[in-house]
Amino acid sequence: MASTYREKDFVEAWCGASQGRSEVRQADRTRIDCVTDEYAIEFDFGHKWAEAIGQALFYSAQSGLRPGVVLILKKPGDIRYLARLEKANQHHNLNIQIWVMRPSDLSPAPAPPPSGP
């Protein structure tokens, strides 16, 4: 079930496979979700596509790396958020590299959080 996934699950899977470093702390105490040799990458769920743009651009400015967004699409209808992100990126020439992840990209599925006492 998609609701059991956390952003962190996607960051760990993608960043690890891309030889990146996750949760990279900046001088201003912000943390970039994933840093590769070329990109400062923000991960966000589809409905937060607009917020992802701002964070990716800010992280790029802070780090000197190119901006990137991994948009997490939990369900088929979330594709509309990818279209919005791509349109804004193209229209404003933001040059943000965009990748997409879905729950099926995580294998095996993460364990559900432990229940309370």
C-alpha atoms as a PDB file:
ATOM      1  CA  MET A   1       0.000   0.000   0.000  1.00  0.00           C
ATOM      2  CA  ALA A   2       1.410   3.401  -1.040  1.00  0.00           C
ATOM      3  CA  SER A   3       0.615   5.058   2.287  1.00  0.00           C
ATOM      4  CA  THR A   4       3.308   2.974   4.026  1.00  0.00           C
ATOM      5  CA  TYR A   5       6.068   4.616   2.001  1.00  0.00           C
ATOM      6  CA  ARG A   6       8.080   7.492   3.350  1.00  0.00           C
ATOM      7  CA  GLU A   7      10.083   9.991   1.327  1.00  0.00           C
ATOM      8  CA  LYS A   8      13.175   8.627   3.046  1.00  0.00           C
ATOM      9  CA  ASP A   9      12.554   5.173   1.507  1.00  0.00           C
ATOM     10  CA  PHE A  10      12.738   6.658  -1.977  1.00  0.00           C
ATOM     11  CA  VAL A  11      15.775   8.810  -1.158  1.00  0.00           C
ATOM     12  CA  GLU A  12      17.703   5.830   0.187  1.00  0.00           C
ATOM     13  CA  ALA A  13      16.860   3.622  -2.804  1.00  0.00           C
ATOM     14  CA  TRP A  14      17.526   6.197  -5.533  1.00  0.00           C
ATOM     15  CA  CYS A  15      20.473   7.960  -3.964  1.00  0.00           C
ATOM     16  CA  GLY A  16      22.220   4.714  -3.109  1.00  0.00           C
ATOM     17  CA  ALA A  17      21.770   3.358  -6.619  1.00  0.00           C
ATOM     18  CA  SER A  18      23.079   6.653  -8.061  1.00  0.00           C
ATOM     19  CA  GLN A  19      26.260   6.692  -5.960  1.00  0.00           C
ATOM     20  CA  GLY A  20      24.987   9.797  -4.203  1.00  0.00           C
ATOM     21  CA  ARG A  21      25.098  11.001  -0.616  1.00  0.00           C
ATOM     22  CA  SER A  22      21.824  11.531   1.221  1.00  0.00           C
ATOM     23  CA  GLU A  23      20.840  14.211   3.740  1.00  0.00           C
ATOM     24  CA  VAL A  24      23.806  16.477   2.953  1.00  0.00           C
ATOM     25  CA  ARG A  25      23.894  19.359   5.414  1.00  0.00           C
ATOM     26  CA  GLN A  26      24.579  22.861   4.099  1.00  0.00           C
ATOM     27  CA  ALA A  27      26.151  25.848   5.889  1.00  0.00           C
ATOM     28  CA  ASP A  28      22.671  27.306   6.541  1.00  0.00           C
ATOM     29  CA  ARG A  29      21.632  24.022   8.211  1.00  0.00           C
ATOM     30  CA  THR A  30      19.322  22.946   5.375  1.00  0.00           C
ATOM     31  CA  ARG A  31      19.706  19.386   4.132  1.00  0.00           C
ATOM     32  CA  ILE A  32      19.777  18.337   0.507  1.00  0.00           C
ATOM     33  CA  ASP A  33      17.946  15.033   0.052  1.00  0.00           C
ATOM     34  CA  CYS A  34      20.598  13.641  -2.303  1.00  0.00           C
ATOM     35  CA  VAL A  35      23.825  14.999  -3.764  1.00  0.00           C
ATOM     36  CA  THR A  36      25.612  13.431  -6.714  1.00  0.00           C
ATOM     37  CA  ASP A  37      28.712  14.680  -8.499  1.00  0.00           C
ATOM     38  CA  GLU A  38      26.483  16.812 -10.717  1.00  0.00           C
ATOM     39  CA  TYR A  39      23.135  17.381  -8.977  1.00  0.00           C
ATOM     40  CA  ALA A  40      21.547  18.686  -5.768  1.00  0.00           C
ATOM     41  CA  ILE A  41      18.305  16.716  -5.710  1.00  0.00           C
ATOM     42  CA  GLU A  42      15.027  17.313  -3.897  1.00  0.00           C
ATOM     43  CA  PHE A  43      12.619  14.401  -3.433  1.00  0.00           C
ATOM     44  CA  ASP A  44       8.928  15.095  -2.981  1.00  0.00           C
ATOM     45  CA  PHE A  45       5.575  13.413  -3.437  1.00  0.00           C
ATOM     46  CA  GLY A  46       3.613  14.476  -6.501  1.00  0.00           C
ATOM     47  CA  HIS A  47       1.240  16.908  -4.807  1.00  0.00           C
ATOM     48  CA  LYS A  48       4.261  18.896  -3.567  1.00  0.00           C
ATOM     49  CA  TRP A  49       5.634  19.479  -7.083  1.00  0.00           C
ATOM     50  CA  ALA A  50       5.715  23.282  -6.728  1.00  0.00           C
ATOM     51  CA  GLU A  51       7.556  23.144  -3.413  1.00  0.00           C
ATOM     52  CA  ALA A  52      10.086  20.772  -4.997  1.00  0.00           C
ATOM     53  CA  ILE A  53      10.953  23.415  -7.613  1.00  0.00           C
ATOM     54  CA  GLY A  54      11.821  26.019  -5.004  1.00  0.00           C
ATOM     55  CA  GLN A  55      13.865  23.641  -2.895  1.00  0.00           C
ATOM     56  CA  ALA A  56      15.794  22.252  -5.870  1.00  0.00           C
ATOM     57  CA  LEU A  57      16.657  25.752  -7.088  1.00  0.00           C
ATOM     58  CA  PHE A  58      17.712  26.853  -3.612  1.00  0.00           C
ATOM     59  CA  TYR A  59      19.855  23.761  -3.065  1.00  0.00           C
ATOM     60  CA  SER A  60      21.472  24.333  -6.443  1.00  0.00           C
ATOM     61  CA  ALA A  61      22.307  27.922  -5.507  1.00  0.00           C
ATOM     62  CA  GLN A  62      23.736  26.804  -2.151  1.00  0.00           C
ATOM     63  CA  SER A  63      25.814  23.936  -3.508  1.00  0.00           C
ATOM     64  CA  GLY A  64      26.836  25.109  -6.983  1.00  0.00           C
ATOM     65  CA  LEU A  65      25.405  21.882  -8.417  1.00  0.00           C
ATOM     66  CA  ARG A  66      22.671  21.510 -11.027  1.00  0.00           C
ATOM     67  CA  PRO A  67      19.100  21.322  -9.660  1.00  0.00           C
ATOM     68  CA  GLY A  68      17.226  18.035  -9.717  1.00  0.00           C
ATOM     69  CA  VAL A  69      13.847  16.758  -8.577  1.00  0.00           C
ATOM     70  CA  VAL A  70      12.754  13.185  -8.030  1.00  0.00           C
ATOM     71  CA  LEU A  71       8.969  13.334  -8.101  1.00  0.00           C
ATOM     72  CA  ILE A  72       7.330  10.446  -6.273  1.00  0.00           C
ATOM     73  CA  LEU A  73       4.075   9.332  -7.883  1.00  0.00           C
ATOM     74  CA  LYS A  74       2.133   7.146  -5.437  1.00  0.00           C
ATOM     75  CA  LYS A  75      -0.864   6.447  -7.655  1.00  0.00           C
ATOM     76  CA  PRO A  76      -1.688   6.684 -11.388  1.00  0.00           C
ATOM     77  CA  GLY A  77      -3.588   9.986 -11.017  1.00  0.00           C
ATOM     78  CA  ASP A  78      -0.440  11.657  -9.696  1.00  0.00           C
ATOM     79  CA  ILE A  79       0.864  11.875 -13.263  1.00  0.00           C
ATOM     80  CA  ARG A  80      -0.878  15.264 -13.453  1.00  0.00           C
ATOM     81  CA  TYR A  81       1.697  16.631 -11.011  1.00  0.00           C
ATOM     82  CA  LEU A  82       4.529  15.528 -13.251  1.00  0.00           C
ATOM     83  CA  ALA A  83       2.892  17.393 -16.143  1.00  0.00           C
ATOM     84  CA  ARG A  84       2.693  20.556 -14.010  1.00  0.00           C
ATOM     85  CA  LEU A  85       6.322  20.268 -12.942  1.00  0.00           C
ATOM     86  CA  GLU A  86       7.497  19.713 -16.508  1.00  0.00           C
ATOM     87  CA  LYS A  87       5.430  22.632 -17.840  1.00  0.00           C
ATOM     88  CA  ALA A  88       6.783  25.079 -15.240  1.00  0.00           C
ATOM     89  CA  ASN A  89      10.326  23.811 -15.786  1.00  0.00           C
ATOM     90  CA  GLN A  90      10.106  24.256 -19.547  1.00  0.00           C
ATOM     91  CA  HIS A  91       8.170  27.538 -19.571  1.00  0.00           C
ATOM     92  CA  HIS A  92      10.573  29.260 -17.190  1.00  0.00           C
ATOM     93  CA  ASN A  93      13.737  27.585 -18.531  1.00  0.00           C
ATOM     94  CA  LEU A  94      14.609  26.361 -15.036  1.00  0.00           C
ATOM     95  CA  ASN A  95      16.830  23.545 -16.310  1.00  0.00           C
ATOM     96  CA  ILE A  96      15.801  21.239 -13.499  1.00  0.00           C
ATOM     97  CA  GLN A  97      16.563  17.598 -14.195  1.00  0.00           C
ATOM     98  CA  ILE A  98      13.458  15.562 -13.403  1.00  0.00           C
ATOM     99  CA  TRP A  99      13.243  11.897 -12.467  1.00  0.00           C
ATOM    100  CA  VAL A 100      10.180   9.911 -11.418  1.00  0.00           C
ATOM    101  CA  MET A 101       9.799   7.171  -8.837  1.00  0.00           C
ATOM    102  CA  ARG A 102       6.833   5.009  -7.994  1.00  0.00           C
ATOM    103  CA  PRO A 103       6.252   2.575  -5.121  1.00  0.00           C
ATOM    104  CA  SER A 104       6.987  -0.270  -7.552  1.00  0.00           C
ATOM    105  CA  ASP A 105      10.551   1.075  -7.784  1.00  0.00           C
ATOM    106  CA  LEU A 106      11.127   0.043  -4.172  1.00  0.00           C
ATOM    107  CA  SER A 107      11.846  -3.589  -3.641  1.00  0.00           C
ATOM    108  CA  PRO A 108      11.045  -5.069  -1.285  1.00  0.00           C
ATOM    109  CA  ALA A 109       8.376  -2.851   0.199  1.00  0.00           C
ATOM    110  CA  PRO A 110       9.391  -1.210   3.471  1.00  0.00           C
ATOM    111  CA  ALA A 111       8.054  -2.636   6.695  1.00  0.00           C
ATOM    112  CA  PRO A 112       5.161  -0.689   8.214  1.00  0.00           C
ATOM    113  CA  PRO A 113       6.073   1.548  11.148  1.00  0.00           C
ATOM    114  CA  PRO A 114       5.857  -0.174  14.540  1.00  0.00           C
ATOM    115  CA  SER A 115       2.608   0.227  16.402  1.00  0.00           C
ATOM    116  CA  GLY A 116       2.462   1.867  19.818  1.00  0.00           C
ATOM    117  CA  PRO A 117       2.692  -0.007  23.112  1.00  0.00           C
END
